[in-house]
Amino acid sequence: MDEASKLLGSGIYEIIKAYEEILGERLVSLKKEVYLLIDEVHYDVKWSTALKVIHDTSC
């Protein structure tokens, strides 16, 4: 997250949405489980809210 935050000015939520756009579908619609391994999560000042929203929309 340090590079995404510093270089791109993006947070976790924006990165996940961009990844879904590249895949052409939402993560929740994938047939396989998806694991997010996020290093240096604290660089996203909204990390706890972003992960809660991602989790809540995937259940």
PDB file of N, CA and C in Angstrom:
ATOM      1  N   MET A   1       0.805  -1.198   0.000  1.00  0.00           N
ATOM      2  CA  MET A   1       0.000   0.000   0.000  1.00  0.00           C
ATOM      3  C   MET A   1       0.842   1.253   0.000  1.00  0.00           C
ATOM      4  N   ASP A   2       2.070   1.138   0.474  1.00  0.00           N
ATOM      5  CA  ASP A   2       2.879   2.354   0.515  1.00  0.00           C
ATOM      6  C   ASP A   2       3.093   2.924  -0.885  1.00  0.00           C
ATOM      7  N   GLU A   3       3.374   2.065  -1.853  1.00  0.00           N
ATOM      8  CA  GLU A   3       3.584   2.552  -3.219  1.00  0.00           C
ATOM      9  C   GLU A   3       2.292   3.053  -3.843  1.00  0.00           C
ATOM     10  N   ALA A   4       1.197   2.329  -3.638  1.00  0.00           N
ATOM     11  CA  ALA A   4      -0.091   2.759  -4.194  1.00  0.00           C
ATOM     12  C   ALA A   4      -0.503   4.099  -3.614  1.00  0.00           C
ATOM     13  N   SER A   5      -0.270   4.259  -2.341  1.00  0.00           N
ATOM     14  CA  SER A   5      -0.651   5.497  -1.673  1.00  0.00           C
ATOM     15  C   SER A   5       0.223   6.665  -2.105  1.00  0.00           C
ATOM     16  N   LYS A   6       1.532   6.442  -2.097  1.00  0.00           N
ATOM     17  CA  LYS A   6       2.469   7.524  -2.419  1.00  0.00           C
ATOM     18  C   LYS A   6       2.508   7.850  -3.906  1.00  0.00           C
ATOM     19  N   LEU A   7       2.595   6.826  -4.750  1.00  0.00           N
ATOM     20  CA  LEU A   7       2.767   7.060  -6.184  1.00  0.00           C
ATOM     21  C   LEU A   7       1.456   7.327  -6.914  1.00  0.00           C
ATOM     22  N   LEU A   8       0.413   6.608  -6.528  1.00  0.00           N
ATOM     23  CA  LEU A   8      -0.856   6.713  -7.254  1.00  0.00           C
ATOM     24  C   LEU A   8      -1.907   7.548  -6.546  1.00  0.00           C
ATOM     25  N   GLY A   9      -1.683   7.784  -5.266  1.00  0.00           N
ATOM     26  CA  GLY A   9      -2.690   8.503  -4.496  1.00  0.00           C
ATOM     27  C   GLY A   9      -3.968   7.703  -4.341  1.00  0.00           C
ATOM     28  N   SER A  10      -3.849   6.379  -4.393  1.00  0.00           N
ATOM     29  CA  SER A  10      -5.010   5.497  -4.314  1.00  0.00           C
ATOM     30  C   SER A  10      -5.020   4.722  -3.015  1.00  0.00           C
ATOM     31  N   GLY A  11      -6.219   4.286  -2.648  1.00  0.00           N
ATOM     32  CA  GLY A  11      -6.380   3.460  -1.473  1.00  0.00           C
ATOM     33  C   GLY A  11      -6.800   2.055  -1.859  1.00  0.00           C
ATOM     34  N   ILE A  12      -7.056   1.246  -0.855  1.00  0.00           N
ATOM     35  CA  ILE A  12      -7.428  -0.149  -1.070  1.00  0.00           C
ATOM     36  C   ILE A  12      -8.685  -0.256  -1.923  1.00  0.00           C
ATOM     37  N   TYR A  13      -9.692   0.524  -1.582  1.00  0.00           N
ATOM     38  CA  TYR A  13     -10.967   0.437  -2.293  1.00  0.00           C
ATOM     39  C   TYR A  13     -10.783   0.713  -3.792  1.00  0.00           C
ATOM     40  N   GLU A  14     -10.044   1.743  -4.120  1.00  0.00           N
ATOM     41  CA  GLU A  14      -9.819   2.087  -5.527  1.00  0.00           C
ATOM     42  C   GLU A  14      -9.033   0.999  -6.249  1.00  0.00           C
ATOM     43  N   ILE A  15      -8.088   0.405  -5.565  1.00  0.00           N
ATOM     44  CA  ILE A  15      -7.296  -0.661  -6.179  1.00  0.00           C
ATOM     45  C   ILE A  15      -8.162  -1.889  -6.467  1.00  0.00           C
ATOM     46  N   ILE A  16      -9.017  -2.259  -5.515  1.00  0.00           N
ATOM     47  CA  ILE A  16      -9.913  -3.396  -5.724  1.00  0.00           C
ATOM     48  C   ILE A  16     -10.861  -3.120  -6.883  1.00  0.00           C
ATOM     49  N   LYS A  17     -11.426  -1.927  -6.938  1.00  0.00           N
ATOM     50  CA  LYS A  17     -12.336  -1.579  -8.035  1.00  0.00           C
ATOM     51  C   LYS A  17     -11.613  -1.614  -9.381  1.00  0.00           C
ATOM     52  N   ALA A  18     -10.378  -1.148  -9.442  1.00  0.00           N
ATOM     53  CA  ALA A  18      -9.596  -1.196 -10.682  1.00  0.00           C
ATOM     54  C   ALA A  18      -9.316  -2.640 -11.075  1.00  0.00           C
ATOM     55  N   TYR A  19      -9.010  -3.490 -10.098  1.00  0.00           N
ATOM     56  CA  TYR A  19      -8.761  -4.908 -10.361  1.00  0.00           C
ATOM     57  C   TYR A  19     -10.010  -5.575 -10.928  1.00  0.00           C
ATOM     58  N   GLU A  20     -11.170  -5.260 -10.352  1.00  0.00           N
ATOM     59  CA  GLU A  20     -12.417  -5.812 -10.869  1.00  0.00           C
ATOM     60  C   GLU A  20     -12.678  -5.346 -12.299  1.00  0.00           C
ATOM     61  N   GLU A  21     -12.340  -4.108 -12.573  1.00  0.00           N
ATOM     62  CA  GLU A  21     -12.518  -3.591 -13.926  1.00  0.00           C
ATOM     63  C   GLU A  21     -11.617  -4.332 -14.912  1.00  0.00           C
ATOM     64  N   ILE A  22     -10.389  -4.602 -14.520  1.00  0.00           N
ATOM     65  CA  ILE A  22      -9.463  -5.347 -15.372  1.00  0.00           C
ATOM     66  C   ILE A  22      -9.990  -6.766 -15.602  1.00  0.00           C
ATOM     67  N   LEU A  23     -10.497  -7.404 -14.530  1.00  0.00           N
ATOM     68  CA  LEU A  23     -11.047  -8.756 -14.652  1.00  0.00           C
ATOM     69  C   LEU A  23     -12.325  -8.786 -15.481  1.00  0.00           C
ATOM     70  N   GLY A  24     -13.057  -7.697 -15.460  1.00  0.00           N
ATOM     71  CA  GLY A  24     -14.328  -7.656 -16.160  1.00  0.00           C
ATOM     72  C   GLY A  24     -15.480  -8.223 -15.352  1.00  0.00           C
ATOM     73  N   GLU A  25     -15.256  -8.460 -14.077  1.00  0.00           N
ATOM     74  CA  GLU A  25     -16.309  -8.934 -13.189  1.00  0.00           C
ATOM     75  C   GLU A  25     -15.944  -8.626 -11.747  1.00  0.00           C
ATOM     76  N   ARG A  26     -16.961  -8.676 -10.884  1.00  0.00           N
ATOM     77  CA  ARG A  26     -16.737  -8.390  -9.473  1.00  0.00           C
ATOM     78  C   ARG A  26     -16.089  -9.595  -8.799  1.00  0.00           C
ATOM     79  N   LEU A  27     -15.318  -9.350  -7.778  1.00  0.00           N
ATOM     80  CA  LEU A  27     -14.652 -10.425  -7.050  1.00  0.00           C
ATOM     81  C   LEU A  27     -15.650 -11.415  -6.471  1.00  0.00           C
ATOM     82  N   VAL A  28     -16.802 -10.929  -6.033  1.00  0.00           N
ATOM     83  CA  VAL A  28     -17.803 -11.816  -5.430  1.00  0.00           C
ATOM     84  C   VAL A  28     -18.411 -12.781  -6.431  1.00  0.00           C
ATOM     85  N   SER A  29     -18.320 -12.483  -7.710  1.00  0.00           N
ATOM     86  CA  SER A  29     -18.895 -13.368  -8.713  1.00  0.00           C
ATOM     87  C   SER A  29     -17.914 -14.434  -9.202  1.00  0.00           C
ATOM     88  N   LEU A  30     -16.674 -14.363  -8.743  1.00  0.00           N
ATOM     89  CA  LEU A  30     -15.686 -15.372  -9.137  1.00  0.00           C
ATOM     90  C   LEU A  30     -16.026 -16.705  -8.492  1.00  0.00           C
ATOM     91  N   LYS A  31     -15.721 -17.779  -9.171  1.00  0.00           N
ATOM     92  CA  LYS A  31     -16.040 -19.122  -8.679  1.00  0.00           C
ATOM     93  C   LYS A  31     -15.048 -19.624  -7.627  1.00  0.00           C
ATOM     94  N   LYS A  32     -13.902 -18.980  -7.534  1.00  0.00           N
ATOM     95  CA  LYS A  32     -12.874 -19.379  -6.576  1.00  0.00           C
ATOM     96  C   LYS A  32     -12.780 -18.349  -5.458  1.00  0.00           C
ATOM     97  N   GLU A  33     -12.274 -18.784  -4.323  1.00  0.00           N
ATOM     98  CA  GLU A  33     -12.042 -17.862  -3.224  1.00  0.00           C
ATOM     99  C   GLU A  33     -10.914 -16.899  -3.582  1.00  0.00           C
ATOM    100  N   VAL A  34     -11.023 -15.697  -3.087  1.00  0.00           N
ATOM    101  CA  VAL A  34     -10.013 -14.669  -3.328  1.00  0.00           C
ATOM    102  C   VAL A  34      -9.450 -14.235  -1.987  1.00  0.00           C
ATOM    103  N   TYR A  35      -8.150 -14.216  -1.885  1.00  0.00           N
ATOM    104  CA  TYR A  35      -7.475 -13.767  -0.671  1.00  0.00           C
ATOM    105  C   TYR A  35      -6.733 -12.479  -0.978  1.00  0.00           C
ATOM    106  N   LEU A  36      -6.917 -11.493  -0.124  1.00  0.00           N
ATOM    107  CA  LEU A  36      -6.209 -10.227  -0.279  1.00  0.00           C
ATOM    108  C   LEU A  36      -5.093 -10.167   0.750  1.00  0.00           C
ATOM    109  N   LEU A  37      -3.891 -10.064   0.280  1.00  0.00           N
ATOM    110  CA  LEU A  37      -2.735  -9.911   1.151  1.00  0.00           C
ATOM    111  C   LEU A  37      -2.211  -8.492   0.943  1.00  0.00           C
ATOM    112  N   ILE A  38      -2.408  -7.677   1.943  1.00  0.00           N
ATOM    113  CA  ILE A  38      -2.101  -6.250   1.807  1.00  0.00           C
ATOM    114  C   ILE A  38      -0.978  -5.876   2.761  1.00  0.00           C
ATOM    115  N   ASP A  39       0.154  -5.527   2.191  1.00  0.00           N
ATOM    116  CA  ASP A  39       1.310  -5.113   2.978  1.00  0.00           C
ATOM    117  C   ASP A  39       1.220  -3.611   3.228  1.00  0.00           C
ATOM    118  N   GLU A  40       1.603  -3.201   4.409  1.00  0.00           N
ATOM    119  CA  GLU A  40       1.638  -1.778   4.772  1.00  0.00           C
ATOM    120  C   GLU A  40       0.257  -1.130   4.662  1.00  0.00           C
ATOM    121  N   VAL A  41      -0.766  -1.844   5.141  1.00  0.00           N
ATOM    122  CA  VAL A  41      -2.146  -1.385   5.027  1.00  0.00           C
ATOM    123  C   VAL A  41      -2.352  -0.014   5.672  1.00  0.00           C
ATOM    124  N   HIS A  42      -1.586   0.311   6.667  1.00  0.00           N
ATOM    125  CA  HIS A  42      -1.762   1.570   7.383  1.00  0.00           C
ATOM    126  C   HIS A  42      -1.484   2.810   6.527  1.00  0.00           C
ATOM    127  N   TYR A  43      -0.888   2.625   5.351  1.00  0.00           N
ATOM    128  CA  TYR A  43      -0.668   3.767   4.464  1.00  0.00           C
ATOM    129  C   TYR A  43      -1.971   4.300   3.884  1.00  0.00           C
ATOM    130  N   ASP A  44      -3.008   3.469   3.866  1.00  0.00           N
ATOM    131  CA  ASP A  44      -4.338   3.934   3.464  1.00  0.00           C
ATOM    132  C   ASP A  44      -5.039   4.410   4.733  1.00  0.00           C
ATOM    133  N   VAL A  45      -5.251   5.706   4.852  1.00  0.00           N
ATOM    134  CA  VAL A  45      -5.830   6.243   6.078  1.00  0.00           C
ATOM    135  C   VAL A  45      -7.254   5.743   6.318  1.00  0.00           C
ATOM    136  N   LYS A  46      -7.913   5.267   5.280  1.00  0.00           N
ATOM    137  CA  LYS A  46      -9.271   4.739   5.394  1.00  0.00           C
ATOM    138  C   LYS A  46      -9.299   3.216   5.307  1.00  0.00           C
ATOM    139  N   TRP A  47      -8.205   2.561   5.675  1.00  0.00           N
ATOM    140  CA  TRP A  47      -8.097   1.121   5.459  1.00  0.00           C
ATOM    141  C   TRP A  47      -9.190   0.331   6.152  1.00  0.00           C
ATOM    142  N   SER A  48      -9.544   0.659   7.377  1.00  0.00           N
ATOM    143  CA  SER A  48     -10.538  -0.141   8.098  1.00  0.00           C
ATOM    144  C   SER A  48     -11.920  -0.007   7.458  1.00  0.00           C
ATOM    145  N   THR A  49     -12.275   1.187   7.042  1.00  0.00           N
ATOM    146  CA  THR A  49     -13.559   1.395   6.376  1.00  0.00           C
ATOM    147  C   THR A  49     -13.586   0.703   5.022  1.00  0.00           C
ATOM    148  N   ALA A  50     -12.503   0.825   4.273  1.00  0.00           N
ATOM    149  CA  ALA A  50     -12.431   0.198   2.951  1.00  0.00           C
ATOM    150  C   ALA A  50     -12.572  -1.313   3.051  1.00  0.00           C
ATOM    151  N   LEU A  51     -11.865  -1.929   3.979  1.00  0.00           N
ATOM    152  CA  LEU A  51     -11.952  -3.383   4.125  1.00  0.00           C
ATOM    153  C   LEU A  51     -13.323  -3.815   4.620  1.00  0.00           C
ATOM    154  N   LYS A  52     -13.958  -3.018   5.466  1.00  0.00           N
ATOM    155  CA  LYS A  52     -15.302  -3.349   5.928  1.00  0.00           C
ATOM    156  C   LYS A  52     -16.285  -3.300   4.771  1.00  0.00           C
ATOM    157  N   VAL A  53     -16.204  -2.290   3.940  1.00  0.00           N
ATOM    158  CA  VAL A  53     -17.097  -2.170   2.779  1.00  0.00           C
ATOM    159  C   VAL A  53     -16.864  -3.327   1.813  1.00  0.00           C
ATOM    160  N   ILE A  54     -15.621  -3.650   1.550  1.00  0.00           N
ATOM    161  CA  ILE A  54     -15.304  -4.768   0.656  1.00  0.00           C
ATOM    162  C   ILE A  54     -15.861  -6.069   1.214  1.00  0.00           C
ATOM    163  N   HIS A  55     -15.661  -6.287   2.503  1.00  0.00           N
ATOM    164  CA  HIS A  55     -16.172  -7.499   3.138  1.00  0.00           C
ATOM    165  C   HIS A  55     -17.693  -7.534   3.112  1.00  0.00           C
ATOM    166  N   ASP A  56     -18.333  -6.449   3.488  1.00  0.00           N
ATOM    167  CA  ASP A  56     -19.788  -6.418   3.559  1.00  0.00           C
ATOM    168  C   ASP A  56     -20.438  -6.624   2.191  1.00  0.00           C
ATOM    169  N   THR A  57     -19.820  -6.132   1.148  1.00  0.00           N
ATOM    170  CA  THR A  57     -20.404  -6.304  -0.194  1.00  0.00           C
ATOM    171  C   THR A  57     -20.082  -7.655  -0.813  1.00  0.00           C
ATOM    172  N   SER A  58     -19.197  -8.415  -0.168  1.00  0.00           N
ATOM    173  CA  SER A  58     -18.855  -9.730  -0.718  1.00  0.00           C
ATOM    174  C   SER A  58     -19.598 -10.867  -0.038  1.00  0.00           C
ATOM    175  N   CYS A  59     -20.381 -10.569   0.973  1.00  0.00           N
ATOM    176  CA  CYS A  59     -21.116 -11.621   1.697  1.00  0.00           C
ATOM    177  C   CYS A  59     -22.518 -11.800   1.145  1.00  0.00           C
TER     178      CYS A  59
END
